[in-house]
Amino acid sequence: MPNTRPCPSCRGDMHVEQLDDVVTYDGHERRLKTQGWWCPQCGETILDSEALAARERAFLDLKAQLDGVPGPDEVAAVTEGR
């Protein structure tokens, strides 16, 4: 894998890094480490499917916690009959 690639937004050099990332919902935050292509010039990010799924899971967990409803793992357990 190359170390850099051109940013689609600003044409700067994007780098593969694992950086701090934040998902937000209703004024609350959840922090996680996310691996992806990051552009230090404009902030553009490109994530692969695994990183994107982990980020989505963190958001859904935060949303469920704040809304007082079952999270994705709890729903999966019920639907799978665990």
PDB file of N, CA and C in Angstrom:
ATOM      1  N   MET A   1       0.850  -1.171   0.000  1.00  0.00           N
ATOM      2  CA  MET A   1       0.000   0.000   0.000  1.00  0.00           C
ATOM      3  C   MET A   1       0.903   1.243   0.000  1.00  0.00           C
ATOM      4  N   PRO A   2       0.567   2.239  -0.806  1.00  0.00           N
ATOM      5  CA  PRO A   2       1.373   3.452  -0.826  1.00  0.00           C
ATOM      6  C   PRO A   2       1.235   4.218   0.492  1.00  0.00           C
ATOM      7  N   ASN A   3       2.220   5.053   0.786  1.00  0.00           N
ATOM      8  CA  ASN A   3       2.203   5.845   2.017  1.00  0.00           C
ATOM      9  C   ASN A   3       1.348   7.096   1.901  1.00  0.00           C
ATOM     10  N   THR A   4       1.191   7.590   0.680  1.00  0.00           N
ATOM     11  CA  THR A   4       0.374   8.778   0.467  1.00  0.00           C
ATOM     12  C   THR A   4      -0.502   8.579  -0.763  1.00  0.00           C
ATOM     13  N   ARG A   5      -1.518   9.408  -0.849  1.00  0.00           N
ATOM     14  CA  ARG A   5      -2.371   9.463  -2.038  1.00  0.00           C
ATOM     15  C   ARG A   5      -2.923  10.880  -2.118  1.00  0.00           C
ATOM     16  N   PRO A   6      -3.291  11.338  -3.307  1.00  0.00           N
ATOM     17  CA  PRO A   6      -3.823  12.694  -3.416  1.00  0.00           C
ATOM     18  C   PRO A   6      -5.216  12.802  -2.804  1.00  0.00           C
ATOM     19  N   CYS A   7      -5.452  13.875  -2.112  1.00  0.00           N
ATOM     20  CA  CYS A   7      -6.760  14.145  -1.520  1.00  0.00           C
ATOM     21  C   CYS A   7      -7.730  14.530  -2.633  1.00  0.00           C
ATOM     22  N   PRO A   8      -8.922  13.920  -2.647  1.00  0.00           N
ATOM     23  CA  PRO A   8      -9.895  14.270  -3.687  1.00  0.00           C
ATOM     24  C   PRO A   8     -10.474  15.678  -3.522  1.00  0.00           C
ATOM     25  N   SER A   9     -10.346  16.258  -2.331  1.00  0.00           N
ATOM     26  CA  SER A   9     -10.913  17.583  -2.091  1.00  0.00           C
ATOM     27  C   SER A   9      -9.939  18.714  -2.391  1.00  0.00           C
ATOM     28  N   CYS A  10      -8.704  18.588  -1.884  1.00  0.00           N
ATOM     29  CA  CYS A  10      -7.762  19.701  -2.009  1.00  0.00           C
ATOM     30  C   CYS A  10      -6.484  19.343  -2.767  1.00  0.00           C
ATOM     31  N   ARG A  11      -6.346  18.080  -3.149  1.00  0.00           N
ATOM     32  CA  ARG A  11      -5.157  17.562  -3.847  1.00  0.00           C
ATOM     33  C   ARG A  11      -3.905  17.540  -2.968  1.00  0.00           C
ATOM     34  N   GLY A  12      -4.063  17.741  -1.657  1.00  0.00           N
ATOM     35  CA  GLY A  12      -2.942  17.593  -0.731  1.00  0.00           C
ATOM     36  C   GLY A  12      -2.589  16.124  -0.584  1.00  0.00           C
ATOM     37  N   ASP A  13      -1.601  15.812   0.237  1.00  0.00           N
ATOM     38  CA  ASP A  13      -1.177  14.435   0.464  1.00  0.00           C
ATOM     39  C   ASP A  13      -1.931  13.830   1.641  1.00  0.00           C
ATOM     40  N   MET A  14      -2.707  12.784   1.367  1.00  0.00           N
ATOM     41  CA  MET A  14      -3.384  12.030   2.422  1.00  0.00           C
ATOM     42  C   MET A  14      -2.441  10.940   2.915  1.00  0.00           C
ATOM     43  N   HIS A  15      -2.523  10.607   4.209  1.00  0.00           N
ATOM     44  CA  HIS A  15      -1.693   9.580   4.826  1.00  0.00           C
ATOM     45  C   HIS A  15      -2.576   8.569   5.529  1.00  0.00           C
ATOM     46  N   VAL A  16      -2.158   7.295   5.528  1.00  0.00           N
ATOM     47  CA  VAL A  16      -2.866   6.272   6.298  1.00  0.00           C
ATOM     48  C   VAL A  16      -2.408   6.400   7.745  1.00  0.00           C
ATOM     49  N   GLU A  17      -3.371   6.629   8.630  1.00  0.00           N
ATOM     50  CA  GLU A  17      -3.065   6.781  10.048  1.00  0.00           C
ATOM     51  C   GLU A  17      -4.243   6.299  10.875  1.00  0.00           C
ATOM     52  N   GLN A  18      -3.956   5.959  12.124  1.00  0.00           N
ATOM     53  CA  GLN A  18      -5.013   5.678  13.087  1.00  0.00           C
ATOM     54  C   GLN A  18      -5.076   6.892  14.001  1.00  0.00           C
ATOM     55  N   LEU A  19      -6.154   7.644  13.875  1.00  0.00           N
ATOM     56  CA  LEU A  19      -6.285   8.897  14.611  1.00  0.00           C
ATOM     57  C   LEU A  19      -7.511   8.880  15.507  1.00  0.00           C
ATOM     58  N   ASP A  20      -7.537   9.821  16.444  1.00  0.00           N
ATOM     59  CA  ASP A  20      -8.709  10.005  17.280  1.00  0.00           C
ATOM     60  C   ASP A  20      -9.853  10.499  16.407  1.00  0.00           C
ATOM     61  N   ASP A  21     -11.017   9.937  16.609  1.00  0.00           N
ATOM     62  CA  ASP A  21     -12.196  10.295  15.852  1.00  0.00           C
ATOM     63  C   ASP A  21     -13.333  10.480  16.856  1.00  0.00           C
ATOM     64  N   VAL A  22     -14.330  11.223  16.489  1.00  0.00           N
ATOM     65  CA  VAL A  22     -15.444  11.502  17.392  1.00  0.00           C
ATOM     66  C   VAL A  22     -16.749  11.318  16.636  1.00  0.00           C
ATOM     67  N   VAL A  23     -17.679  10.581  17.235  1.00  0.00           N
ATOM     68  CA  VAL A  23     -19.047  10.548  16.740  1.00  0.00           C
ATOM     69  C   VAL A  23     -19.898  11.326  17.738  1.00  0.00           C
ATOM     70  N   THR A  24     -20.894  12.037  17.247  1.00  0.00           N
ATOM     71  CA  THR A  24     -21.725  12.861  18.122  1.00  0.00           C
ATOM     72  C   THR A  24     -23.196  12.556  17.889  1.00  0.00           C
ATOM     73  N   TYR A  25     -23.948  12.705  18.969  1.00  0.00           N
ATOM     74  CA  TYR A  25     -25.399  12.563  18.901  1.00  0.00           C
ATOM     75  C   TYR A  25     -26.005  13.389  20.029  1.00  0.00           C
ATOM     76  N   ASP A  26     -26.919  14.260  19.681  1.00  0.00           N
ATOM     77  CA  ASP A  26     -27.666  15.049  20.657  1.00  0.00           C
ATOM     78  C   ASP A  26     -26.748  15.765  21.654  1.00  0.00           C
ATOM     79  N   GLY A  27     -25.647  16.307  21.157  1.00  0.00           N
ATOM     80  CA  GLY A  27     -24.725  17.058  21.998  1.00  0.00           C
ATOM     81  C   GLY A  27     -23.746  16.218  22.797  1.00  0.00           C
ATOM     82  N   HIS A  28     -23.766  14.905  22.643  1.00  0.00           N
ATOM     83  CA  HIS A  28     -22.858  14.015  23.347  1.00  0.00           C
ATOM     84  C   HIS A  28     -21.849  13.428  22.361  1.00  0.00           C
ATOM     85  N   GLU A  29     -20.706  13.034  22.885  1.00  0.00           N
ATOM     86  CA  GLU A  29     -19.628  12.514  22.042  1.00  0.00           C
ATOM     87  C   GLU A  29     -19.181  11.134  22.496  1.00  0.00           C
ATOM     88  N   ARG A  30     -18.710  10.365  21.555  1.00  0.00           N
ATOM     89  CA  ARG A  30     -18.011   9.115  21.838  1.00  0.00           C
ATOM     90  C   ARG A  30     -16.732   9.147  21.009  1.00  0.00           C
ATOM     91  N   ARG A  31     -15.614   8.923  21.679  1.00  0.00           N
ATOM     92  CA  ARG A  31     -14.313   8.958  20.999  1.00  0.00           C
ATOM     93  C   ARG A  31     -13.858   7.546  20.677  1.00  0.00           C
ATOM     94  N   LEU A  32     -13.205   7.411  19.526  1.00  0.00           N
ATOM     95  CA  LEU A  32     -12.651   6.126  19.132  1.00  0.00           C
ATOM     96  C   LEU A  32     -11.450   6.361  18.237  1.00  0.00           C
ATOM     97  N   LYS A  33     -10.630   5.347  18.097  1.00  0.00           N
ATOM     98  CA  LYS A  33      -9.490   5.385  17.174  1.00  0.00           C
ATOM     99  C   LYS A  33      -9.978   4.838  15.841  1.00  0.00           C
ATOM    100  N   THR A  34      -9.703   5.561  14.770  1.00  0.00           N
ATOM    101  CA  THR A  34     -10.157   5.146  13.458  1.00  0.00           C
ATOM    102  C   THR A  34      -8.996   5.165  12.480  1.00  0.00           C
ATOM    103  N   GLN A  35      -8.797   4.045  11.792  1.00  0.00           N
ATOM    104  CA  GLN A  35      -7.759   3.948  10.766  1.00  0.00           C
ATOM    105  C   GLN A  35      -8.354   4.338   9.426  1.00  0.00           C
ATOM    106  N   GLY A  36      -7.658   5.191   8.717  1.00  0.00           N
ATOM    107  CA  GLY A  36      -8.122   5.600   7.405  1.00  0.00           C
ATOM    108  C   GLY A  36      -7.114   6.516   6.735  1.00  0.00           C
ATOM    109  N   TRP A  37      -7.499   6.997   5.585  1.00  0.00           N
ATOM    110  CA  TRP A  37      -6.708   8.005   4.877  1.00  0.00           C
ATOM    111  C   TRP A  37      -7.157   9.369   5.390  1.00  0.00           C
ATOM    112  N   TRP A  38      -6.226  10.162   5.907  1.00  0.00           N
ATOM    113  CA  TRP A  38      -6.532  11.463   6.496  1.00  0.00           C
ATOM    114  C   TRP A  38      -5.734  12.545   5.768  1.00  0.00           C
ATOM    115  N   CYS A  39      -6.381  13.646   5.451  1.00  0.00           N
ATOM    116  CA  CYS A  39      -5.714  14.776   4.818  1.00  0.00           C
ATOM    117  C   CYS A  39      -5.461  15.852   5.875  1.00  0.00           C
ATOM    118  N   PRO A  40      -4.203  16.132   6.196  1.00  0.00           N
ATOM    119  CA  PRO A  40      -3.928  17.156   7.199  1.00  0.00           C
ATOM    120  C   PRO A  40      -4.218  18.574   6.708  1.00  0.00           C
ATOM    121  N   GLN A  41      -4.284  18.752   5.390  1.00  0.00           N
ATOM    122  CA  GLN A  41      -4.520  20.095   4.859  1.00  0.00           C
ATOM    123  C   GLN A  41      -5.986  20.522   4.996  1.00  0.00           C
ATOM    124  N   CYS A  42      -6.931  19.645   4.617  1.00  0.00           N
ATOM    125  CA  CYS A  42      -8.345  20.059   4.616  1.00  0.00           C
ATOM    126  C   CYS A  42      -9.233  19.234   5.543  1.00  0.00           C
ATOM    127  N   GLY A  43      -8.704  18.150   6.105  1.00  0.00           N
ATOM    128  CA  GLY A  43      -9.489  17.336   7.024  1.00  0.00           C
ATOM    129  C   GLY A  43     -10.304  16.230   6.368  1.00  0.00           C
ATOM    130  N   GLU A  44     -10.219  16.090   5.057  1.00  0.00           N
ATOM    131  CA  GLU A  44     -10.933  15.018   4.349  1.00  0.00           C
ATOM    132  C   GLU A  44     -10.488  13.659   4.895  1.00  0.00           C
ATOM    133  N   THR A  45     -11.429  12.710   4.974  1.00  0.00           N
ATOM    134  CA  THR A  45     -11.143  11.368   5.461  1.00  0.00           C
ATOM    135  C   THR A  45     -11.750  10.353   4.514  1.00  0.00           C
ATOM    136  N   ILE A  46     -11.009   9.279   4.245  1.00  0.00           N
ATOM    137  CA  ILE A  46     -11.528   8.154   3.474  1.00  0.00           C
ATOM    138  C   ILE A  46     -11.354   6.911   4.341  1.00  0.00           C
ATOM    139  N   LEU A  47     -12.462   6.213   4.598  1.00  0.00           N
ATOM    140  CA  LEU A  47     -12.437   5.026   5.446  1.00  0.00           C
ATOM    141  C   LEU A  47     -12.777   3.800   4.623  1.00  0.00           C
ATOM    142  N   ASP A  48     -12.164   2.650   4.993  1.00  0.00           N
ATOM    143  CA  ASP A  48     -12.565   1.401   4.351  1.00  0.00           C
ATOM    144  C   ASP A  48     -13.821   0.887   5.054  1.00  0.00           C
ATOM    145  N   SER A  49     -14.376  -0.184   4.533  1.00  0.00           N
ATOM    146  CA  SER A  49     -15.661  -0.670   5.060  1.00  0.00           C
ATOM    147  C   SER A  49     -15.575  -1.087   6.526  1.00  0.00           C
ATOM    148  N   GLU A  50     -14.457  -1.663   6.939  1.00  0.00           N
ATOM    149  CA  GLU A  50     -14.298  -2.092   8.338  1.00  0.00           C
ATOM    150  C   GLU A  50     -14.288  -0.896   9.286  1.00  0.00           C
ATOM    151  N   ALA A  51     -13.524   0.129   8.943  1.00  0.00           N
ATOM    152  CA  ALA A  51     -13.457   1.330   9.783  1.00  0.00           C
ATOM    153  C   ALA A  51     -14.796   2.062   9.795  1.00  0.00           C
ATOM    154  N   LEU A  52     -15.446   2.106   8.662  1.00  0.00           N
ATOM    155  CA  LEU A  52     -16.743   2.765   8.574  1.00  0.00           C
ATOM    156  C   LEU A  52     -17.785   2.029   9.418  1.00  0.00           C
ATOM    157  N   ALA A  53     -17.760   0.698   9.390  1.00  0.00           N
ATOM    158  CA  ALA A  53     -18.688  -0.100  10.197  1.00  0.00           C
ATOM    159  C   ALA A  53     -18.431   0.111  11.694  1.00  0.00           C
ATOM    160  N   ALA A  54     -17.163   0.191  12.109  1.00  0.00           N
ATOM    161  CA  ALA A  54     -16.838   0.418  13.520  1.00  0.00           C
ATOM    162  C   ALA A  54     -17.310   1.799  13.973  1.00  0.00           C
ATOM    163  N   ARG A  55     -17.169   2.773  13.097  1.00  0.00           N
ATOM    164  CA  ARG A  55     -17.621   4.134  13.414  1.00  0.00           C
ATOM    165  C   ARG A  55     -19.148   4.170  13.528  1.00  0.00           C
ATOM    166  N   GLU A  56     -19.835   3.490  12.623  1.00  0.00           N
ATOM    167  CA  GLU A  56     -21.291   3.425  12.665  1.00  0.00           C
ATOM    168  C   GLU A  56     -21.768   2.714  13.930  1.00  0.00           C
ATOM    169  N   ARG A  57     -21.079   1.643  14.310  1.00  0.00           N
ATOM    170  CA  ARG A  57     -21.435   0.901  15.534  1.00  0.00           C
ATOM    171  C   ARG A  57     -21.292   1.803  16.764  1.00  0.00           C
ATOM    172  N   ALA A  58     -20.204   2.582  16.826  1.00  0.00           N
ATOM    173  CA  ALA A  58     -20.007   3.497  17.952  1.00  0.00           C
ATOM    174  C   ALA A  58     -21.132   4.525  18.016  1.00  0.00           C
ATOM    175  N   PHE A  59     -21.555   5.042  16.861  1.00  0.00           N
ATOM    176  CA  PHE A  59     -22.660   6.002  16.824  1.00  0.00           C
ATOM    177  C   PHE A  59     -23.959   5.352  17.302  1.00  0.00           C
ATOM    178  N   LEU A  60     -24.267   4.162  16.790  1.00  0.00           N
ATOM    179  CA  LEU A  60     -25.509   3.486  17.174  1.00  0.00           C
ATOM    180  C   LEU A  60     -25.527   3.129  18.658  1.00  0.00           C
ATOM    181  N   ASP A  61     -24.374   2.719  19.209  1.00  0.00           N
ATOM    182  CA  ASP A  61     -24.288   2.436  20.646  1.00  0.00           C
ATOM    183  C   ASP A  61     -24.548   3.696  21.466  1.00  0.00           C
ATOM    184  N   LEU A  62     -23.939   4.822  21.056  1.00  0.00           N
ATOM    185  CA  LEU A  62     -24.140   6.090  21.754  1.00  0.00           C
ATOM    186  C   LEU A  62     -25.609   6.517  21.674  1.00  0.00           C
ATOM    187  N   LYS A  63     -26.191   6.440  20.510  1.00  0.00           N
ATOM    188  CA  LYS A  63     -27.592   6.830  20.311  1.00  0.00           C
ATOM    189  C   LYS A  63     -28.520   5.966  21.178  1.00  0.00           C
ATOM    190  N   ALA A  64     -28.295   4.663  21.177  1.00  0.00           N
ATOM    191  CA  ALA A  64     -29.131   3.765  21.983  1.00  0.00           C
ATOM    192  C   ALA A  64     -29.010   4.086  23.466  1.00  0.00           C
ATOM    193  N   GLN A  65     -27.781   4.334  23.910  1.00  0.00           N
ATOM    194  CA  GLN A  65     -27.556   4.653  25.324  1.00  0.00           C
ATOM    195  C   GLN A  65     -28.310   5.926  25.713  1.00  0.00           C
ATOM    196  N   LEU A  66     -28.208   6.964  24.894  1.00  0.00           N
ATOM    197  CA  LEU A  66     -28.844   8.238  25.222  1.00  0.00           C
ATOM    198  C   LEU A  66     -30.361   8.188  25.077  1.00  0.00           C
ATOM    199  N   ASP A  67     -30.853   7.403  24.129  1.00  0.00           N
ATOM    200  CA  ASP A  67     -32.299   7.288  23.923  1.00  0.00           C
ATOM    201  C   ASP A  67     -32.942   6.262  24.849  1.00  0.00           C
ATOM    202  N   GLY A  68     -32.128   5.496  25.582  1.00  0.00           N
ATOM    203  CA  GLY A  68     -32.659   4.502  26.507  1.00  0.00           C
ATOM    204  C   GLY A  68     -33.313   3.326  25.811  1.00  0.00           C
ATOM    205  N   VAL A  69     -32.771   2.950  24.661  1.00  0.00           N
ATOM    206  CA  VAL A  69     -33.305   1.814  23.902  1.00  0.00           C
ATOM    207  C   VAL A  69     -32.206   0.770  23.736  1.00  0.00           C
ATOM    208  N   PRO A  70     -32.567  -0.454  23.352  1.00  0.00           N
ATOM    209  CA  PRO A  70     -31.548  -1.477  23.145  1.00  0.00           C
ATOM    210  C   PRO A  70     -30.568  -1.079  22.027  1.00  0.00           C
ATOM    211  N   GLY A  71     -29.310  -1.433  22.241  1.00  0.00           N
ATOM    212  CA  GLY A  71     -28.285  -1.177  21.241  1.00  0.00           C
ATOM    213  C   GLY A  71     -28.218  -2.294  20.215  1.00  0.00           C
ATOM    214  N   PRO A  72     -27.364  -2.153  19.216  1.00  0.00           N
ATOM    215  CA  PRO A  72     -27.268  -3.140  18.152  1.00  0.00           C
ATOM    216  C   PRO A  72     -26.982  -4.563  18.647  1.00  0.00           C
ATOM    217  N   ASP A  73     -26.112  -4.712  19.627  1.00  0.00           N
ATOM    218  CA  ASP A  73     -25.796  -6.058  20.130  1.00  0.00           C
ATOM    219  C   ASP A  73     -26.999  -6.681  20.827  1.00  0.00           C
ATOM    220  N   GLU A  74     -27.741  -5.878  21.580  1.00  0.00           N
ATOM    221  CA  GLU A  74     -28.931  -6.386  22.272  1.00  0.00           C
ATOM    222  C   GLU A  74     -30.026  -6.777  21.273  1.00  0.00           C
ATOM    223  N   VAL A  75     -30.211  -5.981  20.253  1.00  0.00           N
ATOM    224  CA  VAL A  75     -31.201  -6.292  19.234  1.00  0.00           C
ATOM    225  C   VAL A  75     -30.812  -7.561  18.495  1.00  0.00           C
ATOM    226  N   ALA A  76     -29.533  -7.695  18.143  1.00  0.00           N
ATOM    227  CA  ALA A  76     -29.059  -8.906  17.448  1.00  0.00           C
ATOM    228  C   ALA A  76     -29.276 -10.141  18.312  1.00  0.00           C
ATOM    229  N   ALA A  77     -29.017 -10.017  19.623  1.00  0.00           N
ATOM    230  CA  ALA A  77     -29.187 -11.157  20.517  1.00  0.00           C
ATOM    231  C   ALA A  77     -30.649 -11.618  20.538  1.00  0.00           C
ATOM    232  N   VAL A  78     -31.569 -10.674  20.541  1.00  0.00           N
ATOM    233  CA  VAL A  78     -32.995 -11.017  20.569  1.00  0.00           C
ATOM    234  C   VAL A  78     -33.425 -11.641  19.255  1.00  0.00           C
ATOM    235  N   THR A  79     -33.006 -11.052  18.162  1.00  0.00           N
ATOM    236  CA  THR A  79     -33.441 -11.554  16.860  1.00  0.00           C
ATOM    237  C   THR A  79     -32.789 -12.897  16.512  1.00  0.00           C
ATOM    238  N   GLU A  80     -31.630 -13.164  17.091  1.00  0.00           N
ATOM    239  CA  GLU A  80     -30.963 -14.452  16.864  1.00  0.00           C
ATOM    240  C   GLU A  80     -31.384 -15.498  17.887  1.00  0.00           C
ATOM    241  N   GLY A  81     -32.214 -15.089  18.856  1.00  0.00           N
ATOM    242  CA  GLY A  81     -32.732 -16.019  19.848  1.00  0.00           C
ATOM    243  C   GLY A  81     -31.734 -16.401  20.913  1.00  0.00           C
ATOM    244  N   ARG A  82     -30.782 -15.543  21.194  1.00  0.00           N
ATOM    245  CA  ARG A  82     -29.795 -15.846  22.245  1.00  0.00           C
ATOM    246  C   ARG A  82     -30.361 -15.685  23.618  1.00  0.00           C
TER     247      ARG A  82
END
